[in-house]
Amino acid sequence: MQDYRIVNVRGHIEVFDSWGQFILSADNESEALCELDMMMEE
């Protein structure tokens, strides 16, 4: 499993992989985690 960094940027969530590459953005942390879960299932 890969490590992810979740960053709150002015109230918006951005997710980066362990190399610092942008993965996704979301309105809140739970939405970001849900999207990460969906990506892992694919």
PDB file of N, CA and C in Angstrom:
ATOM      1  N   MET A   1       0.842  -1.196   0.000  1.00  0.00           N
ATOM      2  CA  MET A   1       0.000   0.000   0.000  1.00  0.00           C
ATOM      3  C   MET A   1       0.880   1.250   0.000  1.00  0.00           C
ATOM      4  N   GLN A   2       0.466   2.214  -0.719  1.00  0.00           N
ATOM      5  CA  GLN A   2       1.227   3.453  -0.861  1.00  0.00           C
ATOM      6  C   GLN A   2       0.797   4.451   0.210  1.00  0.00           C
ATOM      7  N   ASP A   3       1.746   5.271   0.658  1.00  0.00           N
ATOM      8  CA  ASP A   3       1.437   6.318   1.624  1.00  0.00           C
ATOM      9  C   ASP A   3       0.936   7.558   0.903  1.00  0.00           C
ATOM     10  N   TYR A   4       0.010   8.257   1.537  1.00  0.00           N
ATOM     11  CA  TYR A   4      -0.543   9.478   0.971  1.00  0.00           C
ATOM     12  C   TYR A   4      -0.458  10.601   1.988  1.00  0.00           C
ATOM     13  N   ARG A   5      -0.353  11.814   1.486  1.00  0.00           N
ATOM     14  CA  ARG A   5      -0.341  12.995   2.351  1.00  0.00           C
ATOM     15  C   ARG A   5      -1.577  13.814   1.998  1.00  0.00           C
ATOM     16  N   ILE A   6      -2.390  14.085   3.011  1.00  0.00           N
ATOM     17  CA  ILE A   6      -3.611  14.870   2.836  1.00  0.00           C
ATOM     18  C   ILE A   6      -3.350  16.258   3.381  1.00  0.00           C
ATOM     19  N   VAL A   7      -3.553  17.277   2.523  1.00  0.00           N
ATOM     20  CA  VAL A   7      -3.228  18.654   2.886  1.00  0.00           C
ATOM     21  C   VAL A   7      -4.473  19.524   2.739  1.00  0.00           C
ATOM     22  N   ASN A   8      -4.749  20.310   3.774  1.00  0.00           N
ATOM     23  CA  ASN A   8      -5.851  21.265   3.721  1.00  0.00           C
ATOM     24  C   ASN A   8      -5.302  22.575   3.166  1.00  0.00           C
ATOM     25  N   VAL A   9      -5.794  22.956   1.987  1.00  0.00           N
ATOM     26  CA  VAL A   9      -5.346  24.181   1.331  1.00  0.00           C
ATOM     27  C   VAL A   9      -6.524  25.145   1.270  1.00  0.00           C
ATOM     28  N   ARG A  10      -6.513  26.097   2.203  1.00  0.00           N
ATOM     29  CA  ARG A  10      -7.591  27.095   2.286  1.00  0.00           C
ATOM     30  C   ARG A  10      -8.985  26.469   2.284  1.00  0.00           C
ATOM     31  N   GLY A  11      -9.147  25.397   3.067  1.00  0.00           N
ATOM     32  CA  GLY A  11     -10.452  24.754   3.201  1.00  0.00           C
ATOM     33  C   GLY A  11     -10.744  23.703   2.161  1.00  0.00           C
ATOM     34  N   HIS A  12      -9.812  23.471   1.249  1.00  0.00           N
ATOM     35  CA  HIS A  12      -9.975  22.458   0.207  1.00  0.00           C
ATOM     36  C   HIS A  12      -8.901  21.397   0.417  1.00  0.00           C
ATOM     37  N   ILE A  13      -9.234  20.139   0.213  1.00  0.00           N
ATOM     38  CA  ILE A  13      -8.307  19.042   0.474  1.00  0.00           C
ATOM     39  C   ILE A  13      -7.583  18.639  -0.801  1.00  0.00           C
ATOM     40  N   GLU A  14      -6.269  18.490  -0.694  1.00  0.00           N
ATOM     41  CA  GLU A  14      -5.460  17.973  -1.793  1.00  0.00           C
ATOM     42  C   GLU A  14      -4.702  16.762  -1.281  1.00  0.00           C
ATOM     43  N   VAL A  15      -4.599  15.740  -2.131  1.00  0.00           N
ATOM     44  CA  VAL A  15      -3.928  14.496  -1.755  1.00  0.00           C
ATOM     45  C   VAL A  15      -2.724  14.299  -2.667  1.00  0.00           C
ATOM     46  N   PHE A  16      -1.585  13.976  -2.037  1.00  0.00           N
ATOM     47  CA  PHE A  16      -0.329  13.750  -2.754  1.00  0.00           C
ATOM     48  C   PHE A  16       0.203  12.373  -2.391  1.00  0.00           C
ATOM     49  N   ASP A  17       0.917  11.741  -3.328  1.00  0.00           N
ATOM     50  CA  ASP A  17       1.534  10.455  -3.021  1.00  0.00           C
ATOM     51  C   ASP A  17       2.830  10.685  -2.250  1.00  0.00           C
ATOM     52  N   SER A  18       3.515   9.602  -1.920  1.00  0.00           N
ATOM     53  CA  SER A  18       4.729   9.708  -1.102  1.00  0.00           C
ATOM     54  C   SER A  18       5.874  10.405  -1.819  1.00  0.00           C
ATOM     55  N   TRP A  19       5.777  10.583  -3.144  1.00  0.00           N
ATOM     56  CA  TRP A  19       6.796  11.304  -3.918  1.00  0.00           C
ATOM     57  C   TRP A  19       6.426  12.762  -4.117  1.00  0.00           C
ATOM     58  N   GLY A  20       5.276  13.182  -3.571  1.00  0.00           N
ATOM     59  CA  GLY A  20       4.861  14.565  -3.686  1.00  0.00           C
ATOM     60  C   GLY A  20       4.051  14.875  -4.926  1.00  0.00           C
ATOM     61  N   GLN A  21       3.685  13.841  -5.686  1.00  0.00           N
ATOM     62  CA  GLN A  21       2.879  14.052  -6.886  1.00  0.00           C
ATOM     63  C   GLN A  21       1.405  14.188  -6.509  1.00  0.00           C
ATOM     64  N   PHE A  22       0.737  15.141  -7.148  1.00  0.00           N
ATOM     65  CA  PHE A  22      -0.684  15.375  -6.905  1.00  0.00           C
ATOM     66  C   PHE A  22      -1.493  14.166  -7.361  1.00  0.00           C
ATOM     67  N   ILE A  23      -2.448  13.736  -6.516  1.00  0.00           N
ATOM     68  CA  ILE A  23      -3.309  12.597  -6.840  1.00  0.00           C
ATOM     69  C   ILE A  23      -4.738  13.051  -7.101  1.00  0.00           C
ATOM     70  N   LEU A  24      -5.306  13.800  -6.155  1.00  0.00           N
ATOM     71  CA  LEU A  24      -6.687  14.241  -6.296  1.00  0.00           C
ATOM     72  C   LEU A  24      -6.974  15.393  -5.367  1.00  0.00           C
ATOM     73  N   SER A  25      -8.114  16.039  -5.598  1.00  0.00           N
ATOM     74  CA  SER A  25      -8.589  17.084  -4.692  1.00  0.00           C
ATOM     75  C   SER A  25     -10.023  16.760  -4.333  1.00  0.00           C
ATOM     76  N   ALA A  26     -10.448  17.265  -3.182  1.00  0.00           N
ATOM     77  CA  ALA A  26     -11.793  16.988  -2.681  1.00  0.00           C
ATOM     78  C   ALA A  26     -12.257  18.165  -1.832  1.00  0.00           C
ATOM     79  N   ASP A  27     -13.553  18.183  -1.573  1.00  0.00           N
ATOM     80  CA  ASP A  27     -14.126  19.256  -0.754  1.00  0.00           C
ATOM     81  C   ASP A  27     -13.833  19.073   0.731  1.00  0.00           C
ATOM     82  N   ASN A  28     -13.671  17.806   1.171  1.00  0.00           N
ATOM     83  CA  ASN A  28     -13.370  17.549   2.582  1.00  0.00           C
ATOM     84  C   ASN A  28     -12.565  16.254   2.697  1.00  0.00           C
ATOM     85  N   GLU A  29     -12.054  15.999   3.899  1.00  0.00           N
ATOM     86  CA  GLU A  29     -11.166  14.855   4.097  1.00  0.00           C
ATOM     87  C   GLU A  29     -11.881  13.526   3.898  1.00  0.00           C
ATOM     88  N   SER A  30     -13.128  13.415   4.351  1.00  0.00           N
ATOM     89  CA  SER A  30     -13.830  12.145   4.179  1.00  0.00           C
ATOM     90  C   SER A  30     -14.100  11.847   2.709  1.00  0.00           C
ATOM     91  N   GLU A  31     -14.374  12.870   1.919  1.00  0.00           N
ATOM     92  CA  GLU A  31     -14.542  12.672   0.475  1.00  0.00           C
ATOM     93  C   GLU A  31     -13.226  12.221  -0.150  1.00  0.00           C
ATOM     94  N   ALA A  32     -12.124  12.806   0.275  1.00  0.00           N
ATOM     95  CA  ALA A  32     -10.806  12.426  -0.246  1.00  0.00           C
ATOM     96  C   ALA A  32     -10.502  10.966   0.086  1.00  0.00           C
ATOM     97  N   LEU A  33     -10.778  10.554   1.319  1.00  0.00           N
ATOM     98  CA  LEU A  33     -10.527   9.170   1.720  1.00  0.00           C
ATOM     99  C   LEU A  33     -11.401   8.202   0.937  1.00  0.00           C
ATOM    100  N   CYS A  34     -12.642   8.584   0.692  1.00  0.00           N
ATOM    101  CA  CYS A  34     -13.550   7.754  -0.095  1.00  0.00           C
ATOM    102  C   CYS A  34     -13.021   7.595  -1.524  1.00  0.00           C
ATOM    103  N   GLU A  35     -12.564   8.682  -2.118  1.00  0.00           N
ATOM    104  CA  GLU A  35     -12.024   8.626  -3.475  1.00  0.00           C
ATOM    105  C   GLU A  35     -10.756   7.774  -3.531  1.00  0.00           C
ATOM    106  N   LEU A  36      -9.904   7.884  -2.502  1.00  0.00           N
ATOM    107  CA  LEU A  36      -8.708   7.042  -2.445  1.00  0.00           C
ATOM    108  C   LEU A  36      -9.091   5.570  -2.365  1.00  0.00           C
ATOM    109  N   ASP A  37     -10.093   5.244  -1.553  1.00  0.00           N
ATOM    110  CA  ASP A  37     -10.563   3.863  -1.443  1.00  0.00           C
ATOM    111  C   ASP A  37     -11.050   3.342  -2.790  1.00  0.00           C
ATOM    112  N   MET A  38     -11.806   4.173  -3.510  1.00  0.00           N
ATOM    113  CA  MET A  38     -12.318   3.781  -4.811  1.00  0.00           C
ATOM    114  C   MET A  38     -11.178   3.556  -5.807  1.00  0.00           C
ATOM    115  N   MET A  39     -10.147   4.390  -5.742  1.00  0.00           N
ATOM    116  CA  MET A  39      -8.989   4.233  -6.633  1.00  0.00           C
ATOM    117  C   MET A  39      -8.261   2.926  -6.356  1.00  0.00           C
ATOM    118  N   MET A  40      -8.172   2.545  -5.096  1.00  0.00           N
ATOM    119  CA  MET A  40      -7.461   1.322  -4.721  1.00  0.00           C
ATOM    120  C   MET A  40      -8.218   0.075  -5.165  1.00  0.00           C
ATOM    121  N   GLU A  41      -9.533   0.162  -5.260  1.00  0.00           N
ATOM    122  CA  GLU A  41     -10.339  -0.985  -5.661  1.00  0.00           C
ATOM    123  C   GLU A  41     -10.193  -1.280  -7.154  1.00  0.00           C
ATOM    124  N   GLU A  42      -9.808  -0.295  -7.937  1.00  0.00           N
ATOM    125  CA  GLU A  42      -9.699  -0.481  -9.396  1.00  0.00           C
ATOM    126  C   GLU A  42      -8.518  -1.312  -9.784  1.00  0.00           C
TER     127      GLU A  42
END
